[in-house]
N, C-alpha and C. Protein backbone atom coordinates (compact mmCIF):
# COMPACT_ATOMS: atom_id res chain seq x y z
N MET A 1 75.20 90.12 37.58
CA MET A 1 75.60 91.10 38.58
C MET A 1 75.85 92.44 37.92
N THR A 2 75.69 93.45 38.71
CA THR A 2 75.93 94.78 38.17
C THR A 2 77.40 95.12 38.29
N ALA A 3 77.78 96.18 37.64
CA ALA A 3 79.19 96.58 37.65
C ALA A 3 79.59 97.14 39.00
N ALA A 4 78.64 97.66 39.76
CA ALA A 4 78.96 98.27 41.05
C ALA A 4 79.23 97.23 42.13
N GLN A 5 78.71 96.04 41.97
CA GLN A 5 78.89 95.00 42.99
C GLN A 5 80.01 94.06 42.56
N PRO A 6 81.01 93.86 43.42
CA PRO A 6 82.08 92.93 43.05
C PRO A 6 81.59 91.50 43.18
N SER A 7 82.21 90.63 42.44
CA SER A 7 81.84 89.22 42.54
C SER A 7 82.40 88.63 43.82
N PRO A 8 81.75 87.61 44.40
CA PRO A 8 82.23 87.03 45.64
C PRO A 8 83.62 86.42 45.50
N GLU A 9 83.97 85.92 44.32
CA GLU A 9 85.29 85.34 44.13
C GLU A 9 86.37 86.41 44.22
N GLY A 10 86.07 87.57 43.67
CA GLY A 10 87.04 88.68 43.70
C GLY A 10 87.29 89.16 45.12
N VAL A 11 86.25 89.17 45.94
CA VAL A 11 86.39 89.60 47.33
C VAL A 11 87.22 88.59 48.11
N ARG A 12 86.96 87.31 47.90
CA ARG A 12 87.72 86.27 48.60
C ARG A 12 89.19 86.29 48.21
N SER A 13 89.48 86.45 46.95
CA SER A 13 90.87 86.43 46.53
C SER A 13 91.63 87.64 47.03
N ALA A 14 90.97 88.79 47.08
CA ALA A 14 91.63 89.99 47.60
C ALA A 14 91.86 89.87 49.09
N ALA A 15 90.91 89.28 49.81
CA ALA A 15 91.05 89.14 51.26
C ALA A 15 92.13 88.13 51.61
N SER A 16 92.26 87.07 50.83
CA SER A 16 93.26 86.06 51.15
C SER A 16 94.65 86.50 50.74
N ALA A 17 94.77 87.37 49.75
CA ALA A 17 96.09 87.82 49.31
C ALA A 17 96.68 88.84 50.27
N ALA A 18 95.86 89.64 50.89
CA ALA A 18 96.37 90.70 51.76
C ALA A 18 97.09 90.16 52.99
N PRO A 19 96.55 89.19 53.73
CA PRO A 19 97.28 88.73 54.92
C PRO A 19 98.60 88.05 54.59
N SER A 20 98.67 87.30 53.50
CA SER A 20 99.93 86.63 53.18
C SER A 20 100.98 87.64 52.77
N LYS A 21 100.60 88.70 52.07
CA LYS A 21 101.55 89.74 51.69
C LYS A 21 102.03 90.49 52.93
N ALA A 22 101.10 90.77 53.85
CA ALA A 22 101.47 91.47 55.08
C ALA A 22 102.36 90.60 55.95
N ALA A 23 102.14 89.30 55.95
CA ALA A 23 102.96 88.41 56.75
C ALA A 23 104.38 88.33 56.19
N ASP A 24 104.53 88.40 54.88
CA ASP A 24 105.86 88.37 54.28
C ASP A 24 106.63 89.65 54.56
N GLU A 25 105.91 90.79 54.61
CA GLU A 25 106.57 92.07 54.82
C GLU A 25 106.78 92.40 56.29
N ALA A 26 106.16 91.68 57.20
CA ALA A 26 106.26 91.97 58.63
C ALA A 26 107.66 91.66 59.12
N PRO A 27 108.17 92.45 60.08
CA PRO A 27 109.50 92.16 60.63
C PRO A 27 109.48 90.86 61.42
N ARG A 28 110.62 90.24 61.50
CA ARG A 28 110.72 88.97 62.22
C ARG A 28 110.56 89.21 63.72
N LEU A 29 109.89 88.30 64.40
CA LEU A 29 109.69 88.39 65.84
C LEU A 29 110.97 87.99 66.57
N PRO A 30 111.18 88.46 67.77
CA PRO A 30 112.38 88.09 68.53
C PRO A 30 112.49 86.59 68.75
N ALA A 31 111.36 85.88 68.89
CA ALA A 31 111.44 84.44 69.13
C ALA A 31 112.01 83.72 67.92
N GLU A 32 111.77 84.26 66.73
CA GLU A 32 112.30 83.64 65.52
C GLU A 32 113.80 83.88 65.37
N SER A 33 114.30 84.98 65.93
CA SER A 33 115.72 85.30 65.79
C SER A 33 116.56 84.69 66.90
N GLY A 34 115.95 83.96 67.82
CA GLY A 34 116.69 83.31 68.89
C GLY A 34 116.75 84.13 70.17
N VAL A 35 116.27 85.36 70.15
CA VAL A 35 116.27 86.20 71.34
C VAL A 35 114.96 85.97 72.08
N THR A 36 115.04 85.71 73.37
CA THR A 36 113.83 85.52 74.15
C THR A 36 113.71 86.64 75.17
N ALA A 37 112.48 86.98 75.48
CA ALA A 37 112.23 88.02 76.47
C ALA A 37 112.43 87.45 77.86
N ARG A 38 112.86 88.29 78.77
CA ARG A 38 113.02 87.86 80.15
C ARG A 38 112.21 88.79 81.03
N LEU A 39 111.77 88.27 82.14
CA LEU A 39 111.01 89.07 83.09
C LEU A 39 111.95 89.79 84.03
N ALA A 40 111.59 90.99 84.40
CA ALA A 40 112.38 91.74 85.37
C ALA A 40 112.14 91.16 86.74
N ASP A 41 113.17 91.03 87.51
CA ASP A 41 113.02 90.52 88.87
C ASP A 41 113.46 91.59 89.86
N ASP A 42 113.47 91.26 91.13
CA ASP A 42 113.82 92.23 92.16
C ASP A 42 115.29 92.62 92.11
N LEU A 43 116.14 91.81 91.50
CA LEU A 43 117.56 92.09 91.45
C LEU A 43 117.94 92.96 90.26
N ALA A 44 117.06 93.13 89.31
CA ALA A 44 117.36 93.94 88.13
C ALA A 44 117.43 95.41 88.52
N VAL A 45 118.41 96.09 87.96
CA VAL A 45 118.56 97.52 88.22
C VAL A 45 117.66 98.26 87.25
N PRO A 46 116.71 99.05 87.76
CA PRO A 46 115.80 99.74 86.85
C PRO A 46 116.50 100.88 86.12
N ALA A 47 116.14 101.06 84.86
CA ALA A 47 116.65 102.18 84.08
C ALA A 47 115.83 103.42 84.41
N ALA A 48 116.37 104.56 84.06
CA ALA A 48 115.67 105.82 84.34
C ALA A 48 114.66 106.07 83.24
N SER A 49 113.48 105.48 83.37
CA SER A 49 112.41 105.70 82.40
C SER A 49 111.09 105.77 83.16
N PRO A 50 110.08 106.38 82.57
CA PRO A 50 108.78 106.45 83.25
C PRO A 50 108.17 105.09 83.51
N VAL A 51 108.41 104.15 82.61
CA VAL A 51 107.84 102.81 82.79
C VAL A 51 108.47 102.13 84.00
N HIS A 52 109.79 102.23 84.13
CA HIS A 52 110.46 101.60 85.26
C HIS A 52 110.10 102.30 86.57
N ARG A 53 109.91 103.61 86.53
CA ARG A 53 109.49 104.33 87.74
C ARG A 53 108.10 103.89 88.16
N LEU A 54 107.21 103.71 87.18
CA LEU A 54 105.86 103.24 87.48
C LEU A 54 105.90 101.82 88.05
N GLN A 55 106.76 100.97 87.47
CA GLN A 55 106.87 99.61 87.98
C GLN A 55 107.37 99.62 89.42
N ALA A 56 108.33 100.48 89.73
CA ALA A 56 108.85 100.56 91.10
C ALA A 56 107.78 101.04 92.07
N GLU A 57 106.90 101.94 91.61
CA GLU A 57 105.83 102.42 92.47
C GLU A 57 104.74 101.36 92.68
N LEU A 58 104.49 100.56 91.64
CA LEU A 58 103.43 99.56 91.72
C LEU A 58 103.86 98.29 92.44
N VAL A 59 105.17 98.03 92.54
CA VAL A 59 105.64 96.79 93.16
C VAL A 59 105.29 96.76 94.65
N GLN A 60 105.09 97.92 95.25
CA GLN A 60 104.73 97.94 96.67
C GLN A 60 103.35 97.33 96.91
N PHE A 61 102.49 97.33 95.90
CA PHE A 61 101.17 96.74 96.07
C PHE A 61 101.18 95.23 95.91
N THR A 62 102.24 94.68 95.33
CA THR A 62 102.31 93.23 95.13
C THR A 62 102.99 92.53 96.28
N ARG A 63 103.76 93.22 97.06
CA ARG A 63 104.46 92.59 98.18
C ARG A 63 103.51 92.45 99.36
N GLN A 64 103.51 91.27 99.94
CA GLN A 64 102.67 91.01 101.10
C GLN A 64 103.40 91.44 102.36
N VAL A 65 102.80 92.30 103.11
CA VAL A 65 103.38 92.74 104.36
C VAL A 65 102.92 91.79 105.45
N GLU A 66 103.87 91.21 106.14
CA GLU A 66 103.54 90.29 107.22
C GLU A 66 103.00 91.09 108.40
N PRO A 67 101.80 90.77 108.86
CA PRO A 67 101.26 91.50 110.01
C PRO A 67 102.04 91.12 111.27
N ALA A 68 102.18 92.09 112.14
CA ALA A 68 102.86 91.83 113.40
C ALA A 68 102.00 90.90 114.25
N ALA A 69 102.65 89.97 114.89
CA ALA A 69 101.93 89.02 115.73
C ALA A 69 101.32 89.75 116.93
N GLU A 70 100.03 89.55 117.10
CA GLU A 70 99.35 90.18 118.22
C GLU A 70 99.54 89.32 119.46
N PRO A 71 99.86 89.94 120.58
CA PRO A 71 100.03 89.14 121.80
C PRO A 71 98.67 88.61 122.28
N PHE A 72 98.67 87.37 122.66
CA PHE A 72 97.46 86.75 123.17
C PHE A 72 97.39 86.92 124.69
N TYR A 73 96.17 86.81 125.20
CA TYR A 73 96.03 86.77 126.65
C TYR A 73 96.62 85.46 127.15
N PRO A 74 97.07 85.44 128.38
CA PRO A 74 97.62 84.18 128.92
C PRO A 74 96.55 83.09 128.96
N GLY A 75 97.00 81.86 128.92
CA GLY A 75 96.09 80.72 128.89
C GLY A 75 95.16 80.65 130.09
N TRP A 76 95.68 80.97 131.27
CA TRP A 76 94.84 80.89 132.45
C TRP A 76 93.69 81.89 132.37
N PHE A 77 93.93 83.06 131.74
CA PHE A 77 92.87 84.05 131.62
C PHE A 77 91.86 83.65 130.54
N ARG A 78 92.36 83.10 129.40
CA ARG A 78 91.47 82.69 128.33
C ARG A 78 90.57 81.55 128.75
N LEU A 79 90.99 80.72 129.67
CA LEU A 79 90.16 79.63 130.16
C LEU A 79 89.37 80.04 131.41
N GLY A 80 90.03 80.78 132.29
CA GLY A 80 89.40 81.14 133.57
C GLY A 80 88.29 82.16 133.46
N PHE A 81 88.43 83.15 132.59
CA PHE A 81 87.42 84.20 132.49
C PHE A 81 86.07 83.66 132.04
N PRO A 82 85.98 82.84 130.97
CA PRO A 82 84.65 82.31 130.61
C PRO A 82 84.05 81.41 131.67
N VAL A 83 84.90 80.61 132.33
CA VAL A 83 84.39 79.71 133.37
C VAL A 83 83.88 80.52 134.56
N ALA A 84 84.66 81.50 135.00
CA ALA A 84 84.25 82.33 136.15
C ALA A 84 83.01 83.14 135.81
N SER A 85 82.93 83.68 134.59
CA SER A 85 81.75 84.45 134.19
C SER A 85 80.52 83.56 134.15
N SER A 86 80.68 82.34 133.64
CA SER A 86 79.55 81.42 133.58
C SER A 86 79.07 81.05 134.99
N VAL A 87 80.01 80.76 135.89
CA VAL A 87 79.64 80.42 137.26
C VAL A 87 78.92 81.59 137.92
N LEU A 88 79.41 82.79 137.71
CA LEU A 88 78.80 83.98 138.31
C LEU A 88 77.38 84.21 137.75
N LEU A 89 77.22 84.07 136.44
CA LEU A 89 75.90 84.27 135.85
C LEU A 89 74.90 83.19 136.30
N TRP A 90 75.34 81.92 136.38
CA TRP A 90 74.44 80.86 136.85
C TRP A 90 74.06 81.09 138.31
N ALA A 91 75.00 81.58 139.10
CA ALA A 91 74.69 81.87 140.52
C ALA A 91 73.64 82.97 140.60
N ALA A 92 73.76 83.99 139.74
CA ALA A 92 72.78 85.08 139.74
C ALA A 92 71.41 84.57 139.30
N ILE A 93 71.38 83.69 138.31
CA ILE A 93 70.13 83.13 137.82
C ILE A 93 69.46 82.29 138.90
N LEU A 94 70.24 81.42 139.54
CA LEU A 94 69.69 80.57 140.58
C LEU A 94 69.24 81.38 141.80
N TRP A 95 70.00 82.41 142.13
CA TRP A 95 69.59 83.28 143.25
C TRP A 95 68.28 83.99 142.92
N GLY A 96 68.13 84.46 141.67
CA GLY A 96 66.90 85.13 141.26
C GLY A 96 65.71 84.18 141.25
N LEU A 97 65.93 82.93 140.85
CA LEU A 97 64.84 81.95 140.87
C LEU A 97 64.44 81.59 142.30
N SER A 98 65.42 81.56 143.20
CA SER A 98 65.09 81.23 144.58
C SER A 98 64.29 82.37 145.25
N ARG A 99 64.50 83.60 144.82
CA ARG A 99 63.78 84.74 145.39
C ARG A 99 62.34 84.75 144.87
N LEU A 100 62.08 84.22 143.64
CA LEU A 100 60.74 84.19 143.09
C LEU A 100 59.88 83.09 143.74
N ALA A 101 60.51 82.04 144.18
CA ALA A 101 59.75 80.92 144.71
C ALA A 101 59.32 81.11 146.14
C-alpha cells in the first residue's frame, strides 16, 4: 500500500474508538437518572413561551366538535311522501298508456 492510503485495520480501529469515546463523554439521559418525561394534558397550566402558545393554538385542530343534531322530518312524511309520489306517478303512467291504446 502507498503512504497516502490508510490501511483498512487503521480505519476500523479509528471508527470503533470514536463512538465509545463519545458515549462515555455524553451527558446522562433523564431516563438513567430516574426522571421520566410526562405528557402535557388539558389540565396543565401553560407557561408563557412560544412553544406553549403554539400548542394552545394547535389543540383546537385535535378536538372533535360534535355536530349539532339535524332535525328529521316526521315519520309520517318520510313514509307517506314516497308512497304518495309513487302512486301519483304510476297513475300518470297508466293514464298515459290508456290514452295511447
